[in-house]
PDB file of N, CA and C in Angstrom:
ATOM      1  N   UNK A   1     159.147 -64.921  43.386  1.00  0.00           N
ATOM      2  CA  UNK A   1     158.521 -66.352  43.069  1.00  0.00           C
ATOM      3  C   UNK A   1     157.822 -65.643  41.239  1.00  0.00           C
ATOM      4  N   UNK A   2     157.847 -66.198  40.952  1.00  0.00           N
ATOM      5  CA  UNK A   2     158.121 -66.481  38.568  1.00  0.00           C
ATOM      6  C   UNK A   2     156.248 -66.717  38.536  1.00  0.00           C
ATOM      7  N   UNK A   3     156.156 -66.838  37.229  1.00  0.00           N
ATOM      8  CA  UNK A   3     155.208 -66.588  37.101  1.00  0.00           C
ATOM      9  C   UNK A   3     154.964 -67.823  36.795  1.00  0.00           C
ATOM     10  N   UNK A   4     153.143 -68.765  36.830  1.00  0.00           N
ATOM     11  CA  UNK A   4     153.266 -69.331  36.426  1.00  0.00           C
ATOM     12  C   UNK A   4     152.735 -69.707  34.681  1.00  0.00           C
ATOM     13  N   UNK A   5     153.527 -70.578  34.054  1.00  0.00           N
ATOM     14  CA  UNK A   5     153.167 -70.582  32.689  1.00  0.00           C
ATOM     15  C   UNK A   5     152.595 -71.745  32.612  1.00  0.00           C
ATOM     16  N   UNK A   6     151.403 -70.701  32.568  1.00  0.00           N
ATOM     17  CA  UNK A   6     150.108 -72.018  32.097  1.00  0.00           C
ATOM     18  C   UNK A   6     149.881 -72.311  30.519  1.00  0.00           C
ATOM     19  N   UNK A   7     150.832 -71.883  29.404  1.00  0.00           N
ATOM     20  CA  UNK A   7     150.997 -71.930  28.607  1.00  0.00           C
ATOM     21  C   UNK A   7     151.298 -73.197  27.992  1.00  0.00           C
ATOM     22  N   UNK A   8     151.919 -73.563  29.167  1.00  0.00           N
ATOM     23  CA  UNK A   8     152.938 -75.053  28.500  1.00  0.00           C
ATOM     24  C   UNK A   8     152.345 -76.271  28.752  1.00  0.00           C
ATOM     25  N   UNK A   9     150.836 -75.676  29.353  1.00  0.00           N
ATOM     26  CA  UNK A   9     150.201 -77.020  29.492  1.00  0.00           C
ATOM     27  C   UNK A   9     148.864 -77.163  29.291  1.00  0.00           C
ATOM     28  N   UNK A  10     149.204 -78.234  28.888  1.00  0.00           N
ATOM     29  CA  UNK A  10     147.785 -78.665  28.465  1.00  0.00           C
ATOM     30  C   UNK A  10     145.835 -78.354  28.612  1.00  0.00           C
ATOM     31  N   UNK A  11     144.801 -78.095  27.432  1.00  0.00           N
ATOM     32  CA  UNK A  11     143.920 -77.454  28.105  1.00  0.00           C
ATOM     33  C   UNK A  11     143.100 -78.361  29.416  1.00  0.00           C
ATOM     34  N   UNK A  12     143.465 -79.507  29.427  1.00  0.00           N
ATOM     35  CA  UNK A  12     142.297 -80.193  30.448  1.00  0.00           C
ATOM     36  C   UNK A  12     143.827 -80.078  32.140  1.00  0.00           C
ATOM     37  N   UNK A  13     145.041 -80.061  31.598  1.00  0.00           N
ATOM     38  CA  UNK A  13     145.554 -79.882  33.007  1.00  0.00           C
ATOM     39  C   UNK A  13     145.426 -78.429  33.893  1.00  0.00           C
ATOM     40  N   UNK A  14     144.792 -77.101  32.803  1.00  0.00           N
ATOM     41  CA  UNK A  14     144.816 -76.543  32.945  1.00  0.00           C
ATOM     42  C   UNK A  14     143.225 -76.295  33.713  1.00  0.00           C
ATOM     43  N   UNK A  15     142.426 -76.676  33.331  1.00  0.00           N
ATOM     44  CA  UNK A  15     141.280 -77.076  33.619  1.00  0.00           C
ATOM     45  C   UNK A  15     141.203 -77.584  35.528  1.00  0.00           C
ATOM     46  N   UNK A  16     141.437 -78.702  34.946  1.00  0.00           N
ATOM     47  CA  UNK A  16     141.623 -79.663  36.413  1.00  0.00           C
ATOM     48  C   UNK A  16     141.976 -78.508  37.945  1.00  0.00           C
ATOM     49  N   UNK A  17     142.958 -77.925  37.696  1.00  0.00           N
ATOM     50  CA  UNK A  17     143.829 -77.348  37.796  1.00  0.00           C
ATOM     51  C   UNK A  17     143.358 -76.125  38.448  1.00  0.00           C
ATOM     52  N   UNK A  18     142.521 -75.481  37.903  1.00  0.00           N
ATOM     53  CA  UNK A  18     140.903 -74.427  38.141  1.00  0.00           C
ATOM     54  C   UNK A  18     140.254 -74.846  38.888  1.00  0.00           C
ATOM     55  N   UNK A  19     139.843 -75.586  38.884  1.00  0.00           N
ATOM     56  CA  UNK A  19     138.543 -75.635  39.480  1.00  0.00           C
ATOM     57  C   UNK A  19     138.995 -76.858  40.693  1.00  0.00           C
ATOM     58  N   UNK A  20     140.267 -77.551  41.058  1.00  0.00           N
ATOM     59  CA  UNK A  20     140.751 -78.043  42.123  1.00  0.00           C
ATOM     60  C   UNK A  20     141.037 -76.784  43.320  1.00  0.00           C
ATOM     61  N   UNK A  21     141.070 -75.536  42.593  1.00  0.00           N
ATOM     62  CA  UNK A  21     141.485 -74.835  42.980  1.00  0.00           C
ATOM     63  C   UNK A  21     140.900 -73.871  43.539  1.00  0.00           C
ATOM     64  N   UNK A  22     139.566 -74.022  42.943  1.00  0.00           N
ATOM     65  CA  UNK A  22     137.989 -73.311  43.518  1.00  0.00           C
ATOM     66  C   UNK A  22     137.380 -74.104  44.349  1.00  0.00           C
ATOM     67  N   UNK A  23     137.930 -75.477  44.819  1.00  0.00           N
ATOM     68  CA  UNK A  23     137.529 -76.447  45.457  1.00  0.00           C
ATOM     69  C   UNK A  23     138.469 -76.225  46.758  1.00  0.00           C
ATOM     70  N   UNK A  24     139.171 -75.783  46.993  1.00  0.00           N
ATOM     71  CA  UNK A  24     140.603 -76.111  47.850  1.00  0.00           C
ATOM     72  C   UNK A  24     140.642 -75.013  49.118  1.00  0.00           C
ATOM     73  N   UNK A  25     139.472 -75.739  49.797  1.00  0.00           N
ATOM     74  CA  UNK A  25     138.980 -75.017  50.740  1.00  0.00           C
ATOM     75  C   UNK A  25     137.723 -75.403  51.582  1.00  0.00           C
ATOM     76  N   UNK A  26     138.360 -75.992  53.341  1.00  0.00           N
ATOM     77  CA  UNK A  26     137.202 -76.945  53.834  1.00  0.00           C
ATOM     78  C   UNK A  26     135.797 -76.351  53.675  1.00  0.00           C
ATOM     79  N   UNK A  27     135.855 -75.000  54.035  1.00  0.00           N
ATOM     80  CA  UNK A  27     134.071 -74.537  53.695  1.00  0.00           C
ATOM     81  C   UNK A  27     133.887 -75.063  52.494  1.00  0.00           C
ATOM     82  N   UNK A  28     134.885 -74.696  51.284  1.00  0.00           N
ATOM     83  CA  UNK A  28     133.936 -74.768  50.212  1.00  0.00           C
ATOM     84  C   UNK A  28     133.836 -76.589  50.106  1.00  0.00           C
ATOM     85  N   UNK A  29     134.540 -77.676  50.272  1.00  0.00           N
ATOM     86  CA  UNK A  29     133.917 -78.529  50.388  1.00  0.00           C
ATOM     87  C   UNK A  29     132.829 -79.261  51.097  1.00  0.00           C
ATOM     88  N   UNK A  30     132.850 -78.444  52.281  1.00  0.00           N
ATOM     89  CA  UNK A  30     131.644 -78.344  52.449  1.00  0.00           C
ATOM     90  C   UNK A  30     130.276 -78.002  52.348  1.00  0.00           C
ATOM     91  N   UNK A  31     130.605 -77.311  51.816  1.00  0.00           N
ATOM     92  CA  UNK A  31     129.571 -76.432  51.035  1.00  0.00           C
ATOM     93  C   UNK A  31     129.037 -77.935  49.974  1.00  0.00           C
ATOM     94  N   UNK A  32     129.790 -77.990  48.997  1.00  0.00           N
ATOM     95  CA  UNK A  32     129.727 -78.829  48.027  1.00  0.00           C
ATOM     96  C   UNK A  32     128.760 -79.733  48.652  1.00  0.00           C
ATOM     97  N   UNK A  33     129.642 -80.453  49.867  1.00  0.00           N
ATOM     98  CA  UNK A  33     129.062 -81.673  50.505  1.00  0.00           C
ATOM     99  C   UNK A  33     127.346 -81.588  50.554  1.00  0.00           C
ATOM    100  N   UNK A  34     127.380 -80.887  51.642  1.00  0.00           N
ATOM    101  CA  UNK A  34     125.877 -79.612  52.011  1.00  0.00           C
ATOM    102  C   UNK A  34     124.714 -80.097  50.745  1.00  0.00           C
ATOM    103  N   UNK A  35     125.141 -79.543  49.806  1.00  0.00           N
ATOM    104  CA  UNK A  35     124.454 -79.515  48.289  1.00  0.00           C
ATOM    105  C   UNK A  35     124.807 -80.650  47.626  1.00  0.00           C
ATOM    106  N   UNK A  36     125.696 -81.459  47.678  1.00  0.00           N
ATOM    107  CA  UNK A  36     125.394 -82.937  47.836  1.00  0.00           C
ATOM    108  C   UNK A  36     123.992 -84.032  48.654  1.00  0.00           C
ATOM    109  N   UNK A  37     124.845 -83.518  49.591  1.00  0.00           N
ATOM    110  CA  UNK A  37     123.894 -84.457  50.174  1.00  0.00           C
ATOM    111  C   UNK A  37     122.236 -84.097  50.204  1.00  0.00           C
ATOM    112  N   UNK A  38     121.963 -82.337  50.073  1.00  0.00           N
ATOM    113  CA  UNK A  38     119.907 -82.225  50.072  1.00  0.00           C
ATOM    114  C   UNK A  38     119.732 -82.995  48.555  1.00  0.00           C
ATOM    115  N   UNK A  39     120.772 -82.934  47.661  1.00  0.00           N
ATOM    116  CA  UNK A  39     120.390 -83.676  45.674  1.00  0.00           C
ATOM    117  C   UNK A  39     119.396 -82.788  45.749  1.00  0.00           C
ATOM    118  N   UNK A  40     119.119 -81.381  46.174  1.00  0.00           N
ATOM    119  CA  UNK A  40     118.610 -79.931  45.142  1.00  0.00           C
ATOM    120  C   UNK A  40     119.167 -78.709  45.673  1.00  0.00           C
ATOM    121  N   UNK A  41     118.311 -77.927  45.400  1.00  0.00           N
ATOM    122  CA  UNK A  41     119.078 -76.567  45.438  1.00  0.00           C
ATOM    123  C   UNK A  41     119.278 -76.454  46.793  1.00  0.00           C
ATOM    124  N   UNK A  42     120.010 -75.637  47.679  1.00  0.00           N
ATOM    125  CA  UNK A  42     119.959 -74.594  49.088  1.00  0.00           C
ATOM    126  C   UNK A  42     120.508 -73.405  48.418  1.00  0.00           C
ATOM    127  N   UNK A  43     118.920 -72.900  49.651  1.00  0.00           N
ATOM    128  CA  UNK A  43     118.169 -71.435  49.372  1.00  0.00           C
ATOM    129  C   UNK A  43     119.036 -71.307  50.444  1.00  0.00           C
ATOM    130  N   UNK A  44     120.173 -70.673  50.965  1.00  0.00           N
ATOM    131  CA  UNK A  44     120.044 -69.801  53.144  1.00  0.00           C
ATOM    132  C   UNK A  44     120.685 -70.659  54.029  1.00  0.00           C
ATOM    133  N   UNK A  45     119.962 -71.623  54.136  1.00  0.00           N
ATOM    134  CA  UNK A  45     120.428 -72.143  54.961  1.00  0.00           C
ATOM    135  C   UNK A  45     122.034 -72.601  55.334  1.00  0.00           C
ATOM    136  N   UNK A  46     122.865 -72.373  54.281  1.00  0.00           N
ATOM    137  CA  UNK A  46     124.233 -72.576  55.322  1.00  0.00           C
ATOM    138  C   UNK A  46     124.903 -72.420  56.031  1.00  0.00           C
ATOM    139  N   UNK A  47     124.566 -70.805  56.176  1.00  0.00           N
ATOM    140  CA  UNK A  47     125.200 -70.024  57.238  1.00  0.00           C
ATOM    141  C   UNK A  47     124.876 -70.719  59.212  1.00  0.00           C
ATOM    142  N   UNK A  48     123.834 -71.004  59.529  1.00  0.00           N
ATOM    143  CA  UNK A  48     122.927 -72.276  60.079  1.00  0.00           C
ATOM    144  C   UNK A  48     123.921 -73.377  59.859  1.00  0.00           C
ATOM    145  N   UNK A  49     124.119 -74.070  59.464  1.00  0.00           N
ATOM    146  CA  UNK A  49     125.022 -75.209  59.138  1.00  0.00           C
ATOM    147  C   UNK A  49     126.537 -75.294  59.502  1.00  0.00           C
ATOM    148  N   UNK A  50     126.741 -74.724  58.526  1.00  0.00           N
ATOM    149  CA  UNK A  50     128.792 -74.181  58.121  1.00  0.00           C
ATOM    150  C   UNK A  50     128.987 -73.383  59.732  1.00  0.00           C
ATOM    151  N   UNK A  51     127.754 -72.822  60.565  1.00  0.00           N
ATOM    152  CA  UNK A  51     128.769 -72.075  61.706  1.00  0.00           C
ATOM    153  C   UNK A  51     129.867 -70.616  60.623  1.00  0.00           C
ATOM    154  N   UNK A  52     129.347 -69.493  59.505  1.00  0.00           N
ATOM    155  CA  UNK A  52     130.483 -68.934  59.465  1.00  0.00           C
ATOM    156  C   UNK A  52     129.318 -68.624  59.058  1.00  0.00           C
ATOM    157  N   UNK A  53     130.120 -66.866  59.383  1.00  0.00           N
ATOM    158  CA  UNK A  53     129.484 -65.418  58.493  1.00  0.00           C
ATOM    159  C   UNK A  53     128.588 -65.665  57.198  1.00  0.00           C
ATOM    160  N   UNK A  54     128.020 -64.676  56.799  1.00  0.00           N
ATOM    161  CA  UNK A  54     126.990 -64.709  55.315  1.00  0.00           C
ATOM    162  C   UNK A  54     127.681 -64.324  54.642  1.00  0.00           C
ATOM    163  N   UNK A  55     128.876 -63.293  55.483  1.00  0.00           N
ATOM    164  CA  UNK A  55     129.805 -62.863  53.695  1.00  0.00           C
ATOM    165  C   UNK A  55     130.542 -63.562  53.797  1.00  0.00           C
ATOM    166  N   UNK A  56     131.286 -64.535  54.877  1.00  0.00           N
ATOM    167  CA  UNK A  56     132.330 -65.759  54.323  1.00  0.00           C
ATOM    168  C   UNK A  56     131.604 -66.309  53.367  1.00  0.00           C
ATOM    169  N   UNK A  57     130.480 -67.176  53.888  1.00  0.00           N
ATOM    170  CA  UNK A  57     129.385 -68.439  52.549  1.00  0.00           C
ATOM    171  C   UNK A  57     129.722 -67.587  51.462  1.00  0.00           C
ATOM    172  N   UNK A  58     128.846 -66.546  51.307  1.00  0.00           N
ATOM    173  CA  UNK A  58     129.098 -65.488  50.121  1.00  0.00           C
ATOM    174  C   UNK A  58     130.007 -65.428  49.484  1.00  0.00           C
ATOM    175  N   UNK A  59     131.353 -65.792  49.609  1.00  0.00           N
ATOM    176  CA  UNK A  59     132.049 -65.625  48.728  1.00  0.00           C
ATOM    177  C   UNK A  59     132.853 -67.006  48.816  1.00  0.00           C
ATOM    178  N   UNK A  60     132.706 -67.317  49.323  1.00  0.00           N
ATOM    179  CA  UNK A  60     132.847 -69.688  48.911  1.00  0.00           C
ATOM    180  C   UNK A  60     131.822 -69.466  47.635  1.00  0.00           C
ATOM    181  N   UNK A  61     131.006 -68.754  47.653  1.00  0.00           N
ATOM    182  CA  UNK A  61     129.384 -69.802  46.929  1.00  0.00           C
ATOM    183  C   UNK A  61     129.972 -68.780  45.532  1.00  0.00           C
ATOM    184  N   UNK A  62     130.627 -67.663  45.733  1.00  0.00           N
ATOM    185  CA  UNK A  62     131.061 -66.644  44.878  1.00  0.00           C
ATOM    186  C   UNK A  62     131.900 -67.554  43.094  1.00  0.00           C
ATOM    187  N   UNK A  63     133.383 -67.971  44.735  1.00  0.00           N
ATOM    188  CA  UNK A  63     134.675 -68.712  44.463  1.00  0.00           C
ATOM    189  C   UNK A  63     133.784 -70.287  43.427  1.00  0.00           C
ATOM    190  N   UNK A  64     133.438 -70.797  44.048  1.00  0.00           N
ATOM    191  CA  UNK A  64     132.648 -72.178  43.241  1.00  0.00           C
ATOM    192  C   UNK A  64     131.211 -71.943  41.631  1.00  0.00           C
ATOM    193  N   UNK A  65     131.428 -70.369  42.183  1.00  0.00           N
ATOM    194  CA  UNK A  65     130.042 -70.295  40.741  1.00  0.00           C
ATOM    195  C   UNK A  65     131.444 -70.043  39.680  1.00  0.00           C
ATOM    196  N   UNK A  66     131.725 -69.092  40.002  1.00  0.00           N
ATOM    197  CA  UNK A  66     132.947 -68.653  38.803  1.00  0.00           C
ATOM    198  C   UNK A  66     133.378 -69.456  38.660  1.00  0.00           C
ATOM    199  N   UNK A  67     134.396 -70.148  39.234  1.00  0.00           N
ATOM    200  CA  UNK A  67     134.250 -71.921  38.415  1.00  0.00           C
ATOM    201  C   UNK A  67     133.533 -72.847  37.631  1.00  0.00           C
ATOM    202  N   UNK A  68     132.517 -72.503  37.918  1.00  0.00           N
ATOM    203  CA  UNK A  68     131.454 -73.091  36.621  1.00  0.00           C
ATOM    204  C   UNK A  68     130.873 -74.195  38.218  1.00  0.00           C
ATOM    205  N   UNK A  69     131.433 -74.668  39.030  1.00  0.00           N
ATOM    206  CA  UNK A  69     131.177 -75.713  39.517  1.00  0.00           C
ATOM    207  C   UNK A  69     129.723 -76.308  40.423  1.00  0.00           C
ATOM    208  N   UNK A  70     129.052 -74.825  40.711  1.00  0.00           N
ATOM    209  CA  UNK A  70     127.859 -74.397  41.136  1.00  0.00           C
ATOM    210  C   UNK A  70     127.146 -73.903  39.968  1.00  0.00           C
ATOM    211  N   UNK A  71     125.593 -74.117  40.429  1.00  0.00           N
ATOM    212  CA  UNK A  71     124.895 -72.735  39.278  1.00  0.00           C
ATOM    213  C   UNK A  71     124.229 -72.000  40.469  1.00  0.00           C
ATOM    214  N   UNK A  72     123.611 -70.893  40.346  1.00  0.00           N
ATOM    215  CA  UNK A  72     122.867 -70.117  41.097  1.00  0.00           C
ATOM    216  C   UNK A  72     121.937 -69.281  40.208  1.00  0.00           C
ATOM    217  N   UNK A  73     120.374 -69.559  41.197  1.00  0.00           N
ATOM    218  CA  UNK A  73     119.201 -68.734  40.551  1.00  0.00           C
ATOM    219  C   UNK A  73     118.320 -68.377  41.890  1.00  0.00           C
ATOM    220  N   UNK A  74     117.727 -67.294  41.114  1.00  0.00           N
ATOM    221  CA  UNK A  74     117.166 -65.719  42.313  1.00  0.00           C
ATOM    222  C   UNK A  74     115.889 -66.110  42.626  1.00  0.00           C
ATOM    223  N   UNK A  75     115.890 -67.004  43.381  1.00  0.00           N
ATOM    224  CA  UNK A  75     114.085 -67.076  43.795  1.00  0.00           C
ATOM    225  C   UNK A  75     114.173 -66.135  44.964  1.00  0.00           C
ATOM    226  N   UNK A  76     112.835 -64.524  44.702  1.00  0.00           N
ATOM    227  CA  UNK A  76     112.012 -64.072  45.469  1.00  0.00           C
ATOM    228  C   UNK A  76     113.776 -63.262  46.403  1.00  0.00           C
ATOM    229  N   UNK A  77     114.011 -62.951  47.269  1.00  0.00           N
ATOM    230  CA  UNK A  77     115.445 -62.449  48.256  1.00  0.00           C
ATOM    231  C   UNK A  77     116.456 -63.557  47.794  1.00  0.00           C
ATOM    232  N   UNK A  78     115.805 -64.636  48.212  1.00  0.00           N
ATOM    233  CA  UNK A  78     117.382 -65.312  48.432  1.00  0.00           C
ATOM    234  C   UNK A  78     117.693 -65.681  46.038  1.00  0.00           C
ATOM    235  N   UNK A  79     118.745 -66.535  47.143  1.00  0.00           N
ATOM    236  CA  UNK A  79     119.606 -67.056  45.435  1.00  0.00           C
ATOM    237  C   UNK A  79     119.865 -68.441  45.643  1.00  0.00           C
ATOM    238  N   UNK A  80     119.311 -69.202  45.335  1.00  0.00           N
ATOM    239  CA  UNK A  80     119.723 -71.034  45.457  1.00  0.00           C
ATOM    240  C   UNK A  80     120.697 -71.159  44.514  1.00  0.00           C
ATOM    241  N   UNK A  81     121.425 -72.225  45.160  1.00  0.00           N
ATOM    242  CA  UNK A  81     122.751 -73.113  44.533  1.00  0.00           C
ATOM    243  C   UNK A  81     122.783 -74.348  44.626  1.00  0.00           C
ATOM    244  N   UNK A  82     122.963 -74.350  43.078  1.00  0.00           N
ATOM    245  CA  UNK A  82     123.097 -76.224  43.103  1.00  0.00           C
ATOM    246  C   UNK A  82     124.312 -76.860  41.927  1.00  0.00           C
ATOM    247  N   UNK A  83     124.590 -77.858  42.444  1.00  0.00           N
ATOM    248  CA  UNK A  83     126.138 -78.606  41.163  1.00  0.00           C
ATOM    249  C   UNK A  83     125.181 -77.867  40.099  1.00  0.00           C
ATOM    250  N   UNK A  84     126.575 -77.841  38.838  1.00  0.00           N
ATOM    251  CA  UNK A  84     126.256 -77.449  37.833  1.00  0.00           C
ATOM    252  C   UNK A  84     126.952 -78.862  36.783  1.00  0.00           C
ATOM    253  N   UNK A  85     125.586 -79.503  36.420  1.00  0.00           N
ATOM    254  CA  UNK A  85     125.657 -81.135  35.835  1.00  0.00           C
ATOM    255  C   UNK A  85     126.885 -81.260  34.898  1.00  0.00           C
ATOM    256  N   UNK A  86     127.362 -79.882  34.247  1.00  0.00           N
ATOM    257  CA  UNK A  86     128.384 -80.380  33.311  1.00  0.00           C
ATOM    258  C   UNK A  86     129.914 -80.211  33.313  1.00  0.00           C
ATOM    259  N   UNK A  87     130.037 -79.422  34.444  1.00  0.00           N
ATOM    260  CA  UNK A  87     131.060 -79.628  34.970  1.00  0.00           C
ATOM    261  C   UNK A  87     131.314 -80.481  35.609  1.00  0.00           C
ATOM    262  N   UNK A  88     130.611 -80.919  36.657  1.00  0.00           N
ATOM    263  CA  UNK A  88     130.477 -81.729  37.521  1.00  0.00           C
ATOM    264  C   UNK A  88     131.172 -83.112  36.992  1.00  0.00           C
ATOM    265  N   UNK A  89     130.409 -83.385  35.941  1.00  0.00           N
ATOM    266  CA  UNK A  89     130.636 -84.727  35.095  1.00  0.00           C
ATOM    267  C   UNK A  89     132.428 -84.375  34.444  1.00  0.00           C
ATOM    268  N   UNK A  90     132.238 -83.641  33.761  1.00  0.00           N
ATOM    269  CA  UNK A  90     133.803 -82.843  33.672  1.00  0.00           C
ATOM    270  C   UNK A  90     134.484 -83.482  34.410  1.00  0.00           C
ATOM    271  N   UNK A  91     135.053 -83.080  35.729  1.00  0.00           N
ATOM    272  CA  UNK A  91     135.208 -82.762  37.051  1.00  0.00           C
ATOM    273  C   UNK A  91     135.922 -84.256  37.414  1.00  0.00           C
ATOM    274  N   UNK A  92     134.713 -84.819  37.512  1.00  0.00           N
ATOM    275  CA  UNK A  92     134.314 -86.522  37.791  1.00  0.00           C
ATOM    276  C   UNK A  92     135.345 -87.172  36.753  1.00  0.00           C
ATOM    277  N   UNK A  93     135.008 -87.265  35.565  1.00  0.00           N
ATOM    278  CA  UNK A  93     135.912 -87.802  34.517  1.00  0.00           C
ATOM    279  C   UNK A  93     137.080 -87.360  34.388  1.00  0.00           C
ATOM    280  N   UNK A  94     137.446 -86.571  34.480  1.00  0.00           N
ATOM    281  CA  UNK A  94     138.656 -86.336  35.016  1.00  0.00           C
ATOM    282  C   UNK A  94     139.795 -86.467  35.688  1.00  0.00           C
ATOM    283  N   UNK A  95     139.149 -86.708  36.926  1.00  0.00           N
ATOM    284  CA  UNK A  95     139.407 -87.289  38.647  1.00  0.00           C
ATOM    285  C   UNK A  95     139.680 -88.496  38.444  1.00  0.00           C
ATOM    286  N   UNK A  96     138.554 -89.178  38.039  1.00  0.00           N
ATOM    287  CA  UNK A  96     138.734 -90.926  37.308  1.00  0.00           C
ATOM    288  C   UNK A  96     140.005 -90.525  36.199  1.00  0.00           C
ATOM    289  N   UNK A  97     140.185 -90.610  35.489  1.00  0.00           N
ATOM    290  CA  UNK A  97     141.371 -90.329  34.665  1.00  0.00           C
ATOM    291  C   UNK A  97     142.160 -90.418  35.406  1.00  0.00           C
ATOM    292  N   UNK A  98     142.637 -89.367  35.849  1.00  0.00           N
ATOM    293  CA  UNK A  98     143.770 -88.940  36.837  1.00  0.00           C
ATOM    294  C   UNK A  98     144.196 -90.066  37.902  1.00  0.00           C
ATOM    295  N   UNK A  99     143.091 -90.817  38.354  1.00  0.00           N
ATOM    296  CA  UNK A  99     143.728 -91.181  39.413  1.00  0.00           C
ATOM    297  C   UNK A  99     143.623 -92.759  38.774  1.00  0.00           C
ATOM    298  N   UNK A 100     143.169 -93.654  38.022  1.00  0.00           N
ATOM    299  CA  UNK A 100     142.911 -94.661  37.803  1.00  0.00           C
ATOM    300  C   UNK A 100     144.196 -94.990  36.593  1.00  0.00           C
ATOM    301  N   UNK A 101     144.922 -93.690  36.571  1.00  0.00           N
ATOM    302  CA  UNK A 101     146.763 -94.172  35.560  1.00  0.00           C
ATOM    303  C   UNK A 101     147.063 -94.366  36.517  1.00  0.00           C
ATOM    304  N   UNK A 102     147.312 -94.693  37.404  1.00  0.00           N
ATOM    305  CA  UNK A 102     148.199 -94.716  38.673  1.00  0.00           C
ATOM    306  C   UNK A 102     148.087 -96.691  38.926  1.00  0.00           C
ATOM    307  N   UNK A 103     148.949 -97.070  38.218  1.00  0.00           N
ATOM    308  CA  UNK A 103     149.041 -99.016  37.919  1.00  0.00           C
ATOM    309  C   UNK A 103     149.961 -99.662  39.482  1.00  0.00           C
ATOM    310  N   UNK A 104     150.054 -98.346  40.560  1.00  0.00           N
ATOM    311  CA  UNK A 104     149.977 -99.202  41.597  1.00  0.00           C
ATOM    312  C   UNK A 104     151.699-100.260  41.324  1.00  0.00           C
ATOM    313  N   UNK A 105     152.377 -99.296  41.289  1.00  0.00           N
ATOM    314  CA  UNK A 105     154.050-100.365  41.215  1.00  0.00           C
ATOM    315  C   UNK A 105     154.166-100.459  42.304  1.00  0.00           C
ATOM    316  N   UNK A 106     154.818-101.776  43.234  1.00  0.00           N
ATOM    317  CA  UNK A 106     155.592-102.019  43.674  1.00  0.00           C
ATOM    318  C   UNK A 106     156.777-102.157  44.308  1.00  0.00           C
ATOM    319  N   UNK A 107     157.358-102.019  42.689  1.00  0.00           N
ATOM    320  CA  UNK A 107     159.325-101.724  42.906  1.00  0.00           C
ATOM    321  C   UNK A 107     159.327-100.346  43.108  1.00  0.00           C
ATOM    322  N   UNK A 108     158.973 -99.074  43.621  1.00  0.00           N
ATOM    323  CA  UNK A 108     158.403 -98.053  43.024  1.00  0.00           C
ATOM    324  C   UNK A 108     159.348 -96.925  44.415  1.00  0.00           C
ATOM    325  N   UNK A 109     160.559 -96.443  44.075  1.00  0.00           N
ATOM    326  CA  UNK A 109     160.953 -95.500  46.189  1.00  0.00           C
ATOM    327  C   UNK A 109     161.224 -96.816  46.896  1.00  0.00           C
TER     328      UNK A 109
END
C-alpha cells in the first residue's frame, strides 16, 4: 500500500481528515457525546459510564487531545477534559460547508 500524498490536498482537506480520523472510533464519539451532554469538564467518571478500562479511556482521550478536539487541565490528582471551542467551531464550520455543498441532484446515477 502506498503512502498518502497529503501535500497534493489543501490545508483544509488535510485538517478535516485529521480531525475526523481522531473522532473515527465509537468510544471517542461516546466520550465526546458525554462531554457535550454535561456541558462542562469531565473529571474521571468516564470509566464507569462507558464500561471501558481506564487505560483504554486514557488512550482515546489522548488521541482526541492530540488532535486538539478536547483540552485537559489538571485538578488535584485527576485531569479534567472539555471541548476545545476553537477546534470544535472550525470542525462545525468545515463539516457544515462540506454537507451544504451537496445540491441534491435527482438525475444522478
